[in-house]
Amino acid sequence: MPFKSKAQRRKFAELLVKGEISPETYEEWNRSTGRAKLPERLHPEAVTTRKRKAKPKRAKTKLRRAKTKPKRARKAKPRRS
């Protein structure tokens, strides 16, 4: 079975040095991989992005409505004296 990434190849080399796998196993995997260009990692770590600060809200401008009807004049209230 061939290696899937450079990291996996390094891990198997480490296991070979520790004596946890046999040299034949490592060589079998190495031969089956050949000269294939391997990625550094099969599943790269997700890149975390910095959260953006919220933009300050703008003051809403009042929309002017088209005048369709003239406003009614209010009746003047009598003043108390």
PDB file of N, CA and C in Angstrom:
ATOM      1  N   MET A   1       0.859  -1.173   0.000  1.00  0.00           N
ATOM      2  CA  MET A   1       0.000   0.000   0.000  1.00  0.00           C
ATOM      3  C   MET A   1       0.901   1.230   0.000  1.00  0.00           C
ATOM      4  N   PRO A   2       0.678   2.171  -0.917  1.00  0.00           N
ATOM      5  CA  PRO A   2       1.566   3.328  -0.997  1.00  0.00           C
ATOM      6  C   PRO A   2       1.268   4.375   0.075  1.00  0.00           C
ATOM      7  N   PHE A   3       2.282   5.199   0.327  1.00  0.00           N
ATOM      8  CA  PHE A   3       2.098   6.311   1.259  1.00  0.00           C
ATOM      9  C   PHE A   3       1.148   7.327   0.635  1.00  0.00           C
ATOM     10  N   LYS A   4       0.371   7.994   1.467  1.00  0.00           N
ATOM     11  CA  LYS A   4      -0.570   8.994   0.971  1.00  0.00           C
ATOM     12  C   LYS A   4      -0.061  10.411   1.136  1.00  0.00           C
ATOM     13  N   SER A   5       0.921  10.612   2.023  1.00  0.00           N
ATOM     14  CA  SER A   5       1.438  11.959   2.240  1.00  0.00           C
ATOM     15  C   SER A   5       2.868  11.888   2.753  1.00  0.00           C
ATOM     16  N   LYS A   6       3.542  13.043   2.699  1.00  0.00           N
ATOM     17  CA  LYS A   6       4.907  13.132   3.217  1.00  0.00           C
ATOM     18  C   LYS A   6       4.923  12.900   4.730  1.00  0.00           C
ATOM     19  N   ALA A   7       3.892  13.387   5.397  1.00  0.00           N
ATOM     20  CA  ALA A   7       3.798  13.223   6.852  1.00  0.00           C
ATOM     21  C   ALA A   7       3.685  11.739   7.222  1.00  0.00           C
ATOM     22  N   GLN A   8       2.940  10.993   6.429  1.00  0.00           N
ATOM     23  CA  GLN A   8       2.787   9.565   6.706  1.00  0.00           C
ATOM     24  C   GLN A   8       4.122   8.842   6.481  1.00  0.00           C
ATOM     25  N   ARG A   9       4.854   9.250   5.460  1.00  0.00           N
ATOM     26  CA  ARG A   9       6.160   8.638   5.195  1.00  0.00           C
ATOM     27  C   ARG A   9       7.115   8.907   6.359  1.00  0.00           C
ATOM     28  N   ARG A  10       7.102  10.149   6.873  1.00  0.00           N
ATOM     29  CA  ARG A  10       7.950  10.476   8.022  1.00  0.00           C
ATOM     30  C   ARG A  10       7.568   9.656   9.249  1.00  0.00           C
ATOM     31  N   LYS A  11       6.275   9.471   9.464  1.00  0.00           N
ATOM     32  CA  LYS A  11       5.794   8.705  10.613  1.00  0.00           C
ATOM     33  C   LYS A  11       6.268   7.254  10.524  1.00  0.00           C
ATOM     34  N   PHE A  12       6.186   6.671   9.342  1.00  0.00           N
ATOM     35  CA  PHE A  12       6.635   5.293   9.183  1.00  0.00           C
ATOM     36  C   PHE A  12       8.145   5.186   9.355  1.00  0.00           C
ATOM     37  N   ALA A  13       8.892   6.193   8.913  1.00  0.00           N
ATOM     38  CA  ALA A  13      10.340   6.193   9.111  1.00  0.00           C
ATOM     39  C   ALA A  13      10.661   6.251  10.605  1.00  0.00           C
ATOM     40  N   GLU A  14       9.889   7.031  11.349  1.00  0.00           N
ATOM     41  CA  GLU A  14      10.070   7.119  12.799  1.00  0.00           C
ATOM     42  C   GLU A  14       9.781   5.774  13.460  1.00  0.00           C
ATOM     43  N   LEU A  15       8.699   5.115  13.018  1.00  0.00           N
ATOM     44  CA  LEU A  15       8.361   3.797  13.568  1.00  0.00           C
ATOM     45  C   LEU A  15       9.444   2.771  13.232  1.00  0.00           C
ATOM     46  N   LEU A  16      10.053   2.913  12.056  1.00  0.00           N
ATOM     47  CA  LEU A  16      11.133   2.015  11.659  1.00  0.00           C
ATOM     48  C   LEU A  16      12.342   2.191  12.566  1.00  0.00           C
ATOM     49  N   VAL A  17      12.682   3.450  12.886  1.00  0.00           N
ATOM     50  CA  VAL A  17      13.819   3.735  13.757  1.00  0.00           C
ATOM     51  C   VAL A  17      13.561   3.200  15.166  1.00  0.00           C
ATOM     52  N   LYS A  18      12.317   3.338  15.644  1.00  0.00           N
ATOM     53  CA  LYS A  18      11.965   2.835  16.978  1.00  0.00           C
ATOM     54  C   LYS A  18      11.901   1.313  17.020  1.00  0.00           C
ATOM     55  N   GLY A  19      11.793   0.683  15.856  1.00  0.00           N
ATOM     56  CA  GLY A  19      11.711  -0.767  15.801  1.00  0.00           C
ATOM     57  C   GLY A  19      10.308  -1.302  15.892  1.00  0.00           C
ATOM     58  N   GLU A  20       9.304  -0.446  15.716  1.00  0.00           N
ATOM     59  CA  GLU A  20       7.910  -0.885  15.818  1.00  0.00           C
ATOM     60  C   GLU A  20       7.409  -1.543  14.539  1.00  0.00           C
ATOM     61  N   ILE A  21       8.066  -1.262  13.399  1.00  0.00           N
ATOM     62  CA  ILE A  21       7.724  -1.951  12.155  1.00  0.00           C
ATOM     63  C   ILE A  21       9.019  -2.521  11.572  1.00  0.00           C
ATOM     64  N   SER A  22       8.873  -3.489  10.702  1.00  0.00           N
ATOM     65  CA  SER A  22      10.062  -4.127  10.118  1.00  0.00           C
ATOM     66  C   SER A  22      10.563  -3.319   8.925  1.00  0.00           C
ATOM     67  N   PRO A  23      11.847  -3.406   8.623  1.00  0.00           N
ATOM     68  CA  PRO A  23      12.389  -2.711   7.446  1.00  0.00           C
ATOM     69  C   PRO A  23      11.732  -3.182   6.146  1.00  0.00           C
ATOM     70  N   GLU A  24      11.313  -4.431   6.094  1.00  0.00           N
ATOM     71  CA  GLU A  24      10.659  -4.954   4.887  1.00  0.00           C
ATOM     72  C   GLU A  24       9.328  -4.248   4.641  1.00  0.00           C
ATOM     73  N   THR A  25       8.583  -4.021   5.710  1.00  0.00           N
ATOM     74  CA  THR A  25       7.294  -3.325   5.588  1.00  0.00           C
ATOM     75  C   THR A  25       7.498  -1.916   5.063  1.00  0.00           C
ATOM     76  N   TYR A  26       8.481  -1.225   5.632  1.00  0.00           N
ATOM     77  CA  TYR A  26       8.747   0.151   5.199  1.00  0.00           C
ATOM     78  C   TYR A  26       9.172   0.179   3.733  1.00  0.00           C
ATOM     79  N   GLU A  27      10.040  -0.718   3.335  1.00  0.00           N
ATOM     80  CA  GLU A  27      10.517  -0.754   1.956  1.00  0.00           C
ATOM     81  C   GLU A  27       9.403  -1.116   0.985  1.00  0.00           C
ATOM     82  N   GLU A  28       8.503  -2.006   1.406  1.00  0.00           N
ATOM     83  CA  GLU A  28       7.367  -2.370   0.549  1.00  0.00           C
ATOM     84  C   GLU A  28       6.495  -1.149   0.265  1.00  0.00           C
ATOM     85  N   TRP A  29       6.202  -0.402   1.316  1.00  0.00           N
ATOM     86  CA  TRP A  29       5.386   0.802   1.169  1.00  0.00           C
ATOM     87  C   TRP A  29       6.131   1.834   0.324  1.00  0.00           C
ATOM     88  N   ASN A  30       7.423   1.977   0.560  1.00  0.00           N
ATOM     89  CA  ASN A  30       8.223   2.965  -0.149  1.00  0.00           C
ATOM     90  C   ASN A  30       8.298   2.623  -1.645  1.00  0.00           C
ATOM     91  N   ARG A  31       8.480   1.348  -1.974  1.00  0.00           N
ATOM     92  CA  ARG A  31       8.546   0.928  -3.385  1.00  0.00           C
ATOM     93  C   ARG A  31       7.203   1.128  -4.082  1.00  0.00           C
ATOM     94  N   SER A  32       6.113   0.833  -3.397  1.00  0.00           N
ATOM     95  CA  SER A  32       4.800   0.969  -4.039  1.00  0.00           C
ATOM     96  C   SER A  32       4.422   2.436  -4.260  1.00  0.00           C
ATOM     97  N   THR A  33       4.994   3.323  -3.455  1.00  0.00           N
ATOM     98  CA  THR A  33       4.736   4.756  -3.644  1.00  0.00           C
ATOM     99  C   THR A  33       5.502   5.272  -4.859  1.00  0.00           C
ATOM    100  N   GLY A  34       6.728   4.810  -5.013  1.00  0.00           N
ATOM    101  CA  GLY A  34       7.538   5.243  -6.152  1.00  0.00           C
ATOM    102  C   GLY A  34       7.960   6.692  -6.001  1.00  0.00           C
ATOM    103  N   ARG A  35       8.041   7.380  -7.134  1.00  0.00           N
ATOM    104  CA  ARG A  35       8.462   8.791  -7.132  1.00  0.00           C
ATOM    105  C   ARG A  35       7.272   9.742  -7.152  1.00  0.00           C
ATOM    106  N   ALA A  36       6.152   9.288  -6.727  1.00  0.00           N
ATOM    107  CA  ALA A  36       4.937  10.117  -6.736  1.00  0.00           C
ATOM    108  C   ALA A  36       5.147  11.365  -5.896  1.00  0.00           C
ATOM    109  N   LYS A  37       4.640  12.470  -6.411  1.00  0.00           N
ATOM    110  CA  LYS A  37       4.728  13.722  -5.664  1.00  0.00           C
ATOM    111  C   LYS A  37       3.594  13.721  -4.640  1.00  0.00           C
ATOM    112  N   LEU A  38       3.976  13.678  -3.375  1.00  0.00           N
ATOM    113  CA  LEU A  38       2.985  13.560  -2.307  1.00  0.00           C
ATOM    114  C   LEU A  38       2.693  14.920  -1.687  1.00  0.00           C
ATOM    115  N   PRO A  39       1.456  15.117  -1.231  1.00  0.00           N
ATOM    116  CA  PRO A  39       1.151  16.348  -0.496  1.00  0.00           C
ATOM    117  C   PRO A  39       1.779  16.296   0.890  1.00  0.00           C
ATOM    118  N   GLU A  40       1.980  17.461   1.486  1.00  0.00           N
ATOM    119  CA  GLU A  40       2.550  17.506   2.835  1.00  0.00           C
ATOM    120  C   GLU A  40       1.634  16.792   3.820  1.00  0.00           C
ATOM    121  N   ARG A  41       0.350  17.094   3.761  1.00  0.00           N
ATOM    122  CA  ARG A  41      -0.639  16.438   4.617  1.00  0.00           C
ATOM    123  C   ARG A  41      -1.855  16.089   3.765  1.00  0.00           C
ATOM    124  N   LEU A  42      -2.475  14.983   4.107  1.00  0.00           N
ATOM    125  CA  LEU A  42      -3.644  14.553   3.354  1.00  0.00           C
ATOM    126  C   LEU A  42      -4.841  15.465   3.620  1.00  0.00           C
ATOM    127  N   HIS A  43      -5.053  15.786   4.897  1.00  0.00           N
ATOM    128  CA  HIS A  43      -6.140  16.674   5.296  1.00  0.00           C
ATOM    129  C   HIS A  43      -5.528  17.836   6.060  1.00  0.00           C
ATOM    130  N   PRO A  44      -5.219  18.942   5.365  1.00  0.00           N
ATOM    131  CA  PRO A  44      -4.601  20.063   6.077  1.00  0.00           C
ATOM    132  C   PRO A  44      -5.528  20.633   7.145  1.00  0.00           C
ATOM    133  N   GLU A  45      -4.917  21.199   8.181  1.00  0.00           N
ATOM    134  CA  GLU A  45      -5.710  21.783   9.268  1.00  0.00           C
ATOM    135  C   GLU A  45      -6.512  22.960   8.744  1.00  0.00           C
ATOM    136  N   ALA A  46      -7.696  23.112   9.279  1.00  0.00           N
ATOM    137  CA  ALA A  46      -8.552  24.213   8.862  1.00  0.00           C
ATOM    138  C   ALA A  46      -7.934  25.529   9.317  1.00  0.00           C
ATOM    139  N   VAL A  47      -7.949  26.492   8.424  1.00  0.00           N
ATOM    140  CA  VAL A  47      -7.400  27.799   8.748  1.00  0.00           C
ATOM    141  C   VAL A  47      -8.482  28.613   9.434  1.00  0.00           C
ATOM    142  N   THR A  48      -8.173  29.088  10.625  1.00  0.00           N
ATOM    143  CA  THR A  48      -9.145  29.900  11.334  1.00  0.00           C
ATOM    144  C   THR A  48      -8.962  31.351  10.912  1.00  0.00           C
ATOM    145  N   THR A  49     -10.050  31.993  10.637  1.00  0.00           N
ATOM    146  CA  THR A  49      -9.991  33.389  10.231  1.00  0.00           C
ATOM    147  C   THR A  49     -10.426  34.263  11.389  1.00  0.00           C
ATOM    148  N   ARG A  50      -9.861  35.427  11.443  1.00  0.00           N
ATOM    149  CA  ARG A  50     -10.197  36.368  12.501  1.00  0.00           C
ATOM    150  C   ARG A  50     -11.574  36.950  12.211  1.00  0.00           C
ATOM    151  N   LYS A  51     -12.389  37.030  13.251  1.00  0.00           N
ATOM    152  CA  LYS A  51     -13.715  37.600  13.077  1.00  0.00           C
ATOM    153  C   LYS A  51     -13.583  39.095  12.855  1.00  0.00           C
ATOM    154  N   ARG A  52     -14.336  39.586  11.934  1.00  0.00           N
ATOM    155  CA  ARG A  52     -14.307  41.011  11.625  1.00  0.00           C
ATOM    156  C   ARG A  52     -15.184  41.767  12.601  1.00  0.00           C
ATOM    157  N   LYS A  53     -14.746  42.963  12.916  1.00  0.00           N
ATOM    158  CA  LYS A  53     -15.562  43.799  13.791  1.00  0.00           C
ATOM    159  C   LYS A  53     -16.752  44.312  12.998  1.00  0.00           C
ATOM    160  N   ALA A  54     -17.877  44.412  13.658  1.00  0.00           N
ATOM    161  CA  ALA A  54     -19.075  44.909  12.999  1.00  0.00           C
ATOM    162  C   ALA A  54     -18.911  46.389  12.723  1.00  0.00           C
ATOM    163  N   LYS A  55     -19.326  46.789  11.547  1.00  0.00           N
ATOM    164  CA  LYS A  55     -19.254  48.197  11.196  1.00  0.00           C
ATOM    165  C   LYS A  55     -20.305  48.950  12.001  1.00  0.00           C
ATOM    166  N   PRO A  56     -19.991  50.179  12.421  1.00  0.00           N
ATOM    167  CA  PRO A  56     -21.008  50.940  13.149  1.00  0.00           C
ATOM    168  C   PRO A  56     -22.197  51.213  12.232  1.00  0.00           C
ATOM    169  N   LYS A  57     -23.380  51.119  12.827  1.00  0.00           N
ATOM    170  CA  LYS A  57     -24.578  51.318  12.026  1.00  0.00           C
ATOM    171  C   LYS A  57     -24.742  52.790  11.702  1.00  0.00           C
ATOM    172  N   ARG A  58     -25.153  53.027  10.501  1.00  0.00           N
ATOM    173  CA  ARG A  58     -25.387  54.413  10.063  1.00  0.00           C
ATOM    174  C   ARG A  58     -26.766  54.862  10.530  1.00  0.00           C
ATOM    175  N   ALA A  59     -26.876  56.156  10.770  1.00  0.00           N
ATOM    176  CA  ALA A  59     -28.177  56.704  11.136  1.00  0.00           C
ATOM    177  C   ALA A  59     -29.066  56.663   9.897  1.00  0.00           C
ATOM    178  N   LYS A  60     -30.255  56.165  10.077  1.00  0.00           N
ATOM    179  CA  LYS A  60     -31.160  56.063   8.935  1.00  0.00           C
ATOM    180  C   LYS A  60     -31.695  57.440   8.591  1.00  0.00           C
ATOM    181  N   THR A  61     -31.700  57.741   7.335  1.00  0.00           N
ATOM    182  CA  THR A  61     -32.270  59.016   6.896  1.00  0.00           C
ATOM    183  C   THR A  61     -33.746  58.795   6.615  1.00  0.00           C
ATOM    184  N   LYS A  62     -34.520  59.785   6.954  1.00  0.00           N
ATOM    185  CA  LYS A  62     -35.954  59.671   6.735  1.00  0.00           C
ATOM    186  C   LYS A  62     -36.241  59.879   5.252  1.00  0.00           C
ATOM    187  N   LEU A  63     -37.002  58.971   4.736  1.00  0.00           N
ATOM    188  CA  LEU A  63     -37.375  59.097   3.338  1.00  0.00           C
ATOM    189  C   LEU A  63     -38.572  60.032   3.239  1.00  0.00           C
ATOM    190  N   ARG A  64     -38.485  60.918   2.321  1.00  0.00           N
ATOM    191  CA  ARG A  64     -39.610  61.849   2.142  1.00  0.00           C
ATOM    192  C   ARG A  64     -40.634  61.209   1.230  1.00  0.00           C
ATOM    193  N   ARG A  65     -41.853  61.277   1.684  1.00  0.00           N
ATOM    194  CA  ARG A  65     -42.927  60.721   0.874  1.00  0.00           C
ATOM    195  C   ARG A  65     -43.437  61.794  -0.077  1.00  0.00           C
ATOM    196  N   ALA A  66     -43.887  61.332  -1.189  1.00  0.00           N
ATOM    197  CA  ALA A  66     -44.480  62.271  -2.140  1.00  0.00           C
ATOM    198  C   ALA A  66     -45.788  62.786  -1.542  1.00  0.00           C
ATOM    199  N   LYS A  67     -45.982  64.083  -1.600  1.00  0.00           N
ATOM    200  CA  LYS A  67     -47.193  64.670  -1.028  1.00  0.00           C
ATOM    201  C   LYS A  67     -48.367  64.394  -1.961  1.00  0.00           C
ATOM    202  N   THR A  68     -49.309  63.666  -1.444  1.00  0.00           N
ATOM    203  CA  THR A  68     -50.486  63.353  -2.249  1.00  0.00           C
ATOM    204  C   THR A  68     -51.698  64.167  -1.775  1.00  0.00           C
ATOM    205  N   LYS A  69     -51.790  64.324  -0.460  1.00  0.00           N
ATOM    206  CA  LYS A  69     -52.904  65.093   0.082  1.00  0.00           C
ATOM    207  C   LYS A  69     -52.332  66.205   0.937  1.00  0.00           C
ATOM    208  N   PRO A  70     -52.913  67.380   0.843  1.00  0.00           N
ATOM    209  CA  PRO A  70     -52.445  68.447   1.738  1.00  0.00           C
ATOM    210  C   PRO A  70     -52.853  68.139   3.170  1.00  0.00           C
ATOM    211  N   LYS A  71     -51.999  68.540   4.122  1.00  0.00           N
ATOM    212  CA  LYS A  71     -52.302  68.297   5.527  1.00  0.00           C
ATOM    213  C   LYS A  71     -53.447  69.199   5.966  1.00  0.00           C
ATOM    214  N   ARG A  72     -54.271  68.693   6.883  1.00  0.00           N
ATOM    215  CA  ARG A  72     -55.384  69.488   7.398  1.00  0.00           C
ATOM    216  C   ARG A  72     -54.855  70.500   8.405  1.00  0.00           C
ATOM    217  N   ALA A  73     -55.406  71.633   8.371  1.00  0.00           N
ATOM    218  CA  ALA A  73     -55.026  72.656   9.340  1.00  0.00           C
ATOM    219  C   ALA A  73     -55.680  72.322  10.670  1.00  0.00           C
ATOM    220  N   ARG A  74     -54.906  72.429  11.740  1.00  0.00           N
ATOM    221  CA  ARG A  74     -55.442  72.149  13.053  1.00  0.00           C
ATOM    222  C   ARG A  74     -56.232  73.362  13.551  1.00  0.00           C
ATOM    223  N   LYS A  75     -57.243  73.048  14.285  1.00  0.00           N
ATOM    224  CA  LYS A  75     -58.032  74.137  14.868  1.00  0.00           C
ATOM    225  C   LYS A  75     -57.259  74.699  16.037  1.00  0.00           C
ATOM    226  N   ALA A  76     -57.225  75.979  16.149  1.00  0.00           N
ATOM    227  CA  ALA A  76     -56.522  76.632  17.247  1.00  0.00           C
ATOM    228  C   ALA A  76     -57.304  76.403  18.542  1.00  0.00           C
ATOM    229  N   LYS A  77     -56.614  75.993  19.590  1.00  0.00           N
ATOM    230  CA  LYS A  77     -57.248  75.784  20.872  1.00  0.00           C
ATOM    231  C   LYS A  77     -57.322  77.127  21.600  1.00  0.00           C
ATOM    232  N   PRO A  78     -58.432  77.388  22.270  1.00  0.00           N
ATOM    233  CA  PRO A  78     -58.519  78.641  23.022  1.00  0.00           C
ATOM    234  C   PRO A  78     -57.574  78.605  24.216  1.00  0.00           C
ATOM    235  N   ARG A  79     -56.907  79.722  24.444  1.00  0.00           N
ATOM    236  CA  ARG A  79     -55.974  79.795  25.563  1.00  0.00           C
ATOM    237  C   ARG A  79     -56.726  80.053  26.857  1.00  0.00           C
ATOM    238  N   ARG A  80     -56.233  79.476  27.890  1.00  0.00           N
ATOM    239  CA  ARG A  80     -56.824  79.704  29.197  1.00  0.00           C
ATOM    240  C   ARG A  80     -56.090  80.876  29.839  1.00  0.00           C
ATOM    241  N   SER A  81     -56.843  81.741  30.379  1.00  0.00           N
ATOM    242  CA  SER A  81     -56.198  82.877  31.049  1.00  0.00           C
ATOM    243  C   SER A  81     -56.558  82.993  32.492  1.00  0.00           C
TER     244      SER A  81
END
